[in-house]
Structures are given as structure tokens and as C-alpha cells.
Amino acid sequence: MNHLRLLIAALFAIALGTAAPAHAKVVVSFYSHDFGERFPHGFVTLKGRVDSTGQTVNYNYGFTARSVTPAILLGAVKGYVQSKEEKYVAKSDRQFSVTVDDATYGRLLTKVREWQDHEQPSYDLGTRNCVHFLMEMAATAGLKVNRNSDYFKKPKSFLLEVKRLNPGLE
């Protein structure tokens, strides 16, 4: 009889374990795109599910000049946060991903809004470009970054540097 109670208790515990909600998280992936006529050259994707609300997340954000002309070589120009179609993301190089909790996801969205709402002109090739945006997103996600990097005009090299600074990133 005692064995039967233990078996029933074990089955009940297993049933409770499988009925519990799965922990959902948002995965932030950092991408680079080779230089050329496609912009932005660096961006992030946010995919997954928010624990607290169950909301499905599938966004991407990058920062670029509103109009890519020789004017970007002369100083600040209008900039904006841009989202691209899935085809663009698929043709880009994912450098690494990190899973974040709900609070960090919220801070990432706040950071995106800050960049979008920044006073114009907001894009400067030397001090506020797509790589600077990646740096802020990585720091907000809790990653170590080199704020004095030599790679602020090289998205892939910058992201590889972030990867070296954070052992264990995939």
C-alpha cells in the first residue's frame, strides 16, 4: 500500500511538472552586414516570448542615416531606427545571441526609443552610427563592451570584439 502511495505521488508530481508553464525568454541576436548599399550594417533581432505577458516577440532594429549620401562624410545628418524585412535579416551574419529576462527586454525597447527619439541630426559616422547603436544594445543586454573600440566603423569586427570580451557567447 505504501508503494502505491509513493507511485501515485510520483505520478502526480510528474503531472504537475509537465503542466507548469514553460519559461519563455527573449533572445537578442546581434547581426552585421557587409558594407555596400544595404543599410543598416549592424542591427539586432529580438525574438521569443515575454514571461510576464506571454507576448510573442519578433522585431529587428538597426540605426542608420535617413539618406545615405556623401553628406555623412562631412558631419551629422538625420538618422533613424529602422526595421528590415526577414529577407534582409536572412542575408546578414549573426555573430552571437544572448537570452534576456523581461526587465532587460524592457530596457532594450527603451534604448531603441531613445535612439529613435534623439534630437536631429542624430547620425554621425564618427560618433553615433550603427555600431554605436550595437554597443548600447549590447551594454543594455548586460554584455561587456569596449567604449574605446577601434571598430566603430566595422560592425562585424566590433561584434567579434564584444564576443571576445564575453566568453561563452555562442
C-alpha atoms as a PDB file:
ATOM      1  CA  MET A   1       0.000   0.000   0.000  1.00  0.00           C
ATOM      2  CA  ASN A   2       2.859   2.400   0.861  1.00  0.00           C
ATOM      3  CA  HIS A   3       4.477   1.708  -2.532  1.00  0.00           C
ATOM      4  CA  LEU A   4       1.194   2.522  -4.265  1.00  0.00           C
ATOM      5  CA  ARG A   5       1.020   5.889  -2.461  1.00  0.00           C
ATOM      6  CA  LEU A   6       4.606   6.687  -3.482  1.00  0.00           C
ATOM      7  CA  LEU A   7       3.835   5.753  -7.080  1.00  0.00           C
ATOM      8  CA  ILE A   8       0.703   7.917  -7.113  1.00  0.00           C
ATOM      9  CA  ALA A   9       2.618  10.813  -5.502  1.00  0.00           C
ATOM     10  CA  ALA A  10       5.410  10.472  -8.084  1.00  0.00           C
ATOM     11  CA  LEU A  11       2.924  10.411 -10.976  1.00  0.00           C
ATOM     12  CA  PHE A  12       1.138  13.437  -9.523  1.00  0.00           C
ATOM     13  CA  ALA A  13       4.443  15.329  -9.211  1.00  0.00           C
ATOM     14  CA  ILE A  14       5.340  14.484 -12.814  1.00  0.00           C
ATOM     15  CA  ALA A  15       1.919  15.637 -13.990  1.00  0.00           C
ATOM     16  CA  LEU A  16       2.310  18.922 -12.121  1.00  0.00           C
ATOM     17  CA  GLY A  17       5.759  19.413 -13.590  1.00  0.00           C
ATOM     18  CA  THR A  18       4.539  18.990 -17.147  1.00  0.00           C
ATOM     19  CA  ALA A  19       1.529  21.227 -16.552  1.00  0.00           C
ATOM     20  CA  ALA A  20       3.638  24.114 -15.285  1.00  0.00           C
ATOM     21  CA  PRO A  21       4.150  26.927 -17.781  1.00  0.00           C
ATOM     22  CA  ALA A  22       7.417  26.816 -19.666  1.00  0.00           C
ATOM     23  CA  HIS A  23       9.802  29.666 -19.021  1.00  0.00           C
ATOM     24  CA  ALA A  24       9.741  31.872 -22.072  1.00  0.00           C
ATOM     25  CA  LYS A  25      12.530  34.299 -22.812  1.00  0.00           C
ATOM     26  CA  VAL A  26      13.541  36.785 -25.434  1.00  0.00           C
ATOM     27  CA  VAL A  27      16.660  36.026 -27.466  1.00  0.00           C
ATOM     28  CA  VAL A  28      18.631  39.049 -28.662  1.00  0.00           C
ATOM     29  CA  SER A  29      20.823  38.335 -31.681  1.00  0.00           C
ATOM     30  CA  PHE A  30      23.484  40.705 -32.955  1.00  0.00           C
ATOM     31  CA  TYR A  31      23.997  40.907 -36.713  1.00  0.00           C
ATOM     32  CA  SER A  32      26.381  42.503 -39.131  1.00  0.00           C
ATOM     33  CA  HIS A  33      26.013  43.044 -42.839  1.00  0.00           C
ATOM     34  CA  ASP A  34      28.925  43.559 -45.165  1.00  0.00           C
ATOM     35  CA  PHE A  35      29.417  47.107 -46.332  1.00  0.00           C
ATOM     36  CA  GLY A  36      27.729  48.123 -49.532  1.00  0.00           C
ATOM     37  CA  GLU A  37      24.459  49.666 -50.465  1.00  0.00           C
ATOM     38  CA  ARG A  38      22.403  47.866 -47.810  1.00  0.00           C
ATOM     39  CA  PHE A  39      21.790  49.669 -44.536  1.00  0.00           C
ATOM     40  CA  PRO A  40      21.951  49.356 -41.590  1.00  0.00           C
ATOM     41  CA  HIS A  41      25.197  47.394 -41.458  1.00  0.00           C
ATOM     42  CA  GLY A  42      24.636  46.371 -37.835  1.00  0.00           C
ATOM     43  CA  PHE A  43      21.363  45.522 -36.135  1.00  0.00           C
ATOM     44  CA  VAL A  44      19.709  43.334 -33.510  1.00  0.00           C
ATOM     45  CA  THR A  45      16.776  40.969 -33.552  1.00  0.00           C
ATOM     46  CA  LEU A  46      14.544  40.321 -30.545  1.00  0.00           C
ATOM     47  CA  LYS A  47      12.679  37.014 -30.730  1.00  0.00           C
ATOM     48  CA  GLY A  48      10.835  34.844 -28.255  1.00  0.00           C
ATOM     49  CA  ARG A  49       8.127  35.281 -25.667  1.00  0.00           C
ATOM     50  CA  VAL A  50       7.820  37.673 -22.737  1.00  0.00           C
ATOM     51  CA  ASP A  51       7.416  35.724 -19.492  1.00  0.00           C
ATOM     52  CA  SER A  52       5.071  38.115 -17.725  1.00  0.00           C
ATOM     53  CA  THR A  53       2.592  38.621 -20.570  1.00  0.00           C
ATOM     54  CA  GLY A  54       3.099  35.711 -22.943  1.00  0.00           C
ATOM     55  CA  GLN A  55       3.543  38.254 -25.758  1.00  0.00           C
ATOM     56  CA  THR A  56       5.334  36.844 -28.791  1.00  0.00           C
ATOM     57  CA  VAL A  57       8.282  38.989 -29.846  1.00  0.00           C
ATOM     58  CA  ASN A  58       9.783  39.161 -33.342  1.00  0.00           C
ATOM     59  CA  TYR A  59      11.436  42.523 -34.011  1.00  0.00           C
ATOM     60  CA  ASN A  60      14.631  43.852 -35.506  1.00  0.00           C
ATOM     61  CA  TYR A  61      16.245  47.253 -35.100  1.00  0.00           C
ATOM     62  CA  GLY A  62      19.222  48.998 -36.596  1.00  0.00           C
ATOM     63  CA  PHE A  63      20.314  52.611 -36.723  1.00  0.00           C
ATOM     64  CA  THR A  64      21.244  54.361 -39.950  1.00  0.00           C
ATOM     65  CA  ALA A  65      21.271  57.666 -41.767  1.00  0.00           C
ATOM     66  CA  ARG A  66      17.912  58.725 -43.172  1.00  0.00           C
ATOM     67  CA  SER A  67      19.602  59.375 -46.519  1.00  0.00           C
ATOM     68  CA  VAL A  68      22.922  57.796 -47.358  1.00  0.00           C
ATOM     69  CA  THR A  69      24.765  60.472 -49.314  1.00  0.00           C
ATOM     70  CA  PRO A  70      28.280  61.936 -49.242  1.00  0.00           C
ATOM     71  CA  ALA A  71      26.948  64.323 -46.564  1.00  0.00           C
ATOM     72  CA  ILE A  72      27.533  61.604 -43.938  1.00  0.00           C
ATOM     73  CA  LEU A  73      31.271  62.095 -44.515  1.00  0.00           C
ATOM     74  CA  LEU A  74      31.022  65.784 -43.588  1.00  0.00           C
ATOM     75  CA  GLY A  75      29.195  65.602 -40.251  1.00  0.00           C
ATOM     76  CA  ALA A  76      25.911  64.815 -38.558  1.00  0.00           C
ATOM     77  CA  VAL A  77      22.835  64.036 -40.676  1.00  0.00           C
ATOM     78  CA  LYS A  78      19.305  62.878 -39.921  1.00  0.00           C
ATOM     79  CA  GLY A  79      19.226  59.348 -38.570  1.00  0.00           C
ATOM     80  CA  TYR A  80      16.580  56.845 -37.542  1.00  0.00           C
ATOM     81  CA  VAL A  81      15.965  53.395 -36.142  1.00  0.00           C
ATOM     82  CA  GLN A  82      14.992  51.094 -38.968  1.00  0.00           C
ATOM     83  CA  SER A  83      13.397  47.639 -39.111  1.00  0.00           C
ATOM     84  CA  LYS A  84      14.051  45.423 -42.096  1.00  0.00           C
ATOM     85  CA  GLU A  85      12.215  42.567 -43.783  1.00  0.00           C
ATOM     86  CA  GLU A  86      13.080  38.963 -42.889  1.00  0.00           C
ATOM     87  CA  LYS A  87      14.898  38.537 -46.221  1.00  0.00           C
ATOM     88  CA  TYR A  88      17.433  41.188 -45.164  1.00  0.00           C
ATOM     89  CA  VAL A  89      17.952  39.508 -41.806  1.00  0.00           C
ATOM     90  CA  ALA A  90      18.417  36.119 -43.500  1.00  0.00           C
ATOM     91  CA  LYS A  91      21.154  37.537 -45.756  1.00  0.00           C
ATOM     92  CA  SER A  92      23.045  39.021 -42.799  1.00  0.00           C
ATOM     93  CA  ASP A  93      25.602  37.414 -40.485  1.00  0.00           C
ATOM     94  CA  ARG A  94      24.506  36.582 -36.948  1.00  0.00           C
ATOM     95  CA  GLN A  95      27.543  36.985 -34.732  1.00  0.00           C
ATOM     96  CA  PHE A  96      26.049  35.862 -31.392  1.00  0.00           C
ATOM     97  CA  SER A  97      22.885  35.731 -29.307  1.00  0.00           C
ATOM     98  CA  VAL A  98      22.023  36.264 -25.672  1.00  0.00           C
ATOM     99  CA  THR A  99      18.832  35.418 -23.792  1.00  0.00           C
ATOM    100  CA  VAL A 100      17.397  38.197 -21.635  1.00  0.00           C
ATOM    101  CA  ASP A 101      14.731  38.427 -18.954  1.00  0.00           C
ATOM    102  CA  ASP A 102      11.628  40.615 -19.108  1.00  0.00           C
ATOM    103  CA  ALA A 103      13.243  43.580 -17.336  1.00  0.00           C
ATOM    104  CA  THR A 104      16.200  43.607 -19.721  1.00  0.00           C
ATOM    105  CA  TYR A 105      13.866  43.266 -22.699  1.00  0.00           C
ATOM    106  CA  GLY A 106      12.011  46.359 -21.450  1.00  0.00           C
ATOM    107  CA  ARG A 107      15.285  48.271 -21.100  1.00  0.00           C
ATOM    108  CA  LEU A 108      16.248  47.288 -24.661  1.00  0.00           C
ATOM    109  CA  LEU A 109      12.966  48.677 -26.010  1.00  0.00           C
ATOM    110  CA  THR A 110      13.538  51.869 -24.027  1.00  0.00           C
ATOM    111  CA  LYS A 111      17.024  52.169 -25.547  1.00  0.00           C
ATOM    112  CA  VAL A 112      15.565  51.728 -29.058  1.00  0.00           C
ATOM    113  CA  ARG A 113      13.063  54.540 -28.356  1.00  0.00           C
ATOM    114  CA  GLU A 114      15.845  56.792 -27.055  1.00  0.00           C
ATOM    115  CA  TRP A 115      17.742  56.340 -30.304  1.00  0.00           C
ATOM    116  CA  GLN A 116      14.603  56.866 -32.379  1.00  0.00           C
ATOM    117  CA  ASP A 117      13.573  59.990 -30.465  1.00  0.00           C
ATOM    118  CA  HIS A 118      17.024  61.611 -30.324  1.00  0.00           C
ATOM    119  CA  GLU A 119      17.228  65.220 -31.492  1.00  0.00           C
ATOM    120  CA  GLN A 120      18.126  65.560 -35.175  1.00  0.00           C
ATOM    121  CA  PRO A 121      20.581  65.398 -36.768  1.00  0.00           C
ATOM    122  CA  SER A 122      21.207  62.154 -34.875  1.00  0.00           C
ATOM    123  CA  TYR A 123      23.514  60.126 -37.140  1.00  0.00           C
ATOM    124  CA  ASP A 124      27.231  60.847 -37.141  1.00  0.00           C
ATOM    125  CA  LEU A 125      29.593  58.437 -38.866  1.00  0.00           C
ATOM    126  CA  GLY A 126      32.317  59.031 -36.285  1.00  0.00           C
ATOM    127  CA  THR A 127      30.363  59.231 -33.024  1.00  0.00           C
ATOM    128  CA  ARG A 128      26.813  57.891 -33.454  1.00  0.00           C
ATOM    129  CA  ASN A 129      26.383  55.244 -36.139  1.00  0.00           C
ATOM    130  CA  CYS A 130      25.043  51.681 -36.391  1.00  0.00           C
ATOM    131  CA  VAL A 131      27.992  50.285 -34.420  1.00  0.00           C
ATOM    132  CA  HIS A 132      27.437  52.749 -31.570  1.00  0.00           C
ATOM    133  CA  PHE A 133      23.810  51.579 -31.553  1.00  0.00           C
ATOM    134  CA  LEU A 134      25.005  47.948 -31.335  1.00  0.00           C
ATOM    135  CA  MET A 135      27.311  48.907 -28.474  1.00  0.00           C
ATOM    136  CA  GLU A 136      24.442  50.463 -26.498  1.00  0.00           C
ATOM    137  CA  MET A 137      22.181  47.482 -27.146  1.00  0.00           C
ATOM    138  CA  ALA A 138      24.929  45.057 -26.052  1.00  0.00           C
ATOM    139  CA  ALA A 139      25.624  47.048 -22.884  1.00  0.00           C
ATOM    140  CA  THR A 140      21.894  47.225 -22.117  1.00  0.00           C
ATOM    141  CA  ALA A 141      21.703  43.440 -22.564  1.00  0.00           C
ATOM    142  CA  GLY A 142      24.370  43.131 -19.866  1.00  0.00           C
ATOM    143  CA  LEU A 143      27.372  42.441 -22.085  1.00  0.00           C
ATOM    144  CA  LYS A 144      30.836  43.902 -21.655  1.00  0.00           C
ATOM    145  CA  VAL A 145      31.733  46.382 -24.398  1.00  0.00           C
ATOM    146  CA  ASN A 146      34.819  48.399 -25.285  1.00  0.00           C
ATOM    147  CA  ARG A 147      33.671  52.018 -25.373  1.00  0.00           C
ATOM    148  CA  ASN A 148      37.058  52.931 -26.869  1.00  0.00           C
ATOM    149  CA  SER A 149      36.935  50.320 -29.605  1.00  0.00           C
ATOM    150  CA  ASP A 150      38.908  50.733 -32.812  1.00  0.00           C
ATOM    151  CA  TYR A 151      35.982  49.187 -34.713  1.00  0.00           C
ATOM    152  CA  PHE A 152      33.223  51.825 -34.670  1.00  0.00           C
ATOM    153  CA  LYS A 153      33.118  51.773 -38.472  1.00  0.00           C
ATOM    154  CA  LYS A 154      33.323  47.975 -38.722  1.00  0.00           C
ATOM    155  CA  PRO A 155      30.192  46.227 -37.390  1.00  0.00           C
ATOM    156  CA  LYS A 156      31.467  42.657 -37.754  1.00  0.00           C
ATOM    157  CA  SER A 157      34.841  43.428 -36.152  1.00  0.00           C
ATOM    158  CA  PHE A 158      33.114  45.289 -33.322  1.00  0.00           C
ATOM    159  CA  LEU A 159      30.740  42.381 -32.627  1.00  0.00           C
ATOM    160  CA  LEU A 160      33.622  39.900 -32.703  1.00  0.00           C
ATOM    161  CA  GLU A 161      35.362  42.124 -30.142  1.00  0.00           C
ATOM    162  CA  VAL A 162      32.231  42.017 -27.939  1.00  0.00           C
ATOM    163  CA  LYS A 163      32.233  38.237 -28.315  1.00  0.00           C
ATOM    164  CA  ARG A 164      35.867  38.068 -27.146  1.00  0.00           C
ATOM    165  CA  LEU A 165      35.025  40.282 -24.157  1.00  0.00           C
ATOM    166  CA  ASN A 166      32.175  37.942 -23.166  1.00  0.00           C
ATOM    167  CA  PRO A 167      33.437  34.332 -23.181  1.00  0.00           C
ATOM    168  CA  GLY A 168      30.660  31.840 -23.598  1.00  0.00           C
ATOM    169  CA  LEU A 169      28.633  33.724 -26.193  1.00  0.00           C
ATOM    170  CA  GLU A 170      27.531  31.402 -28.995  1.00  0.00           C
END
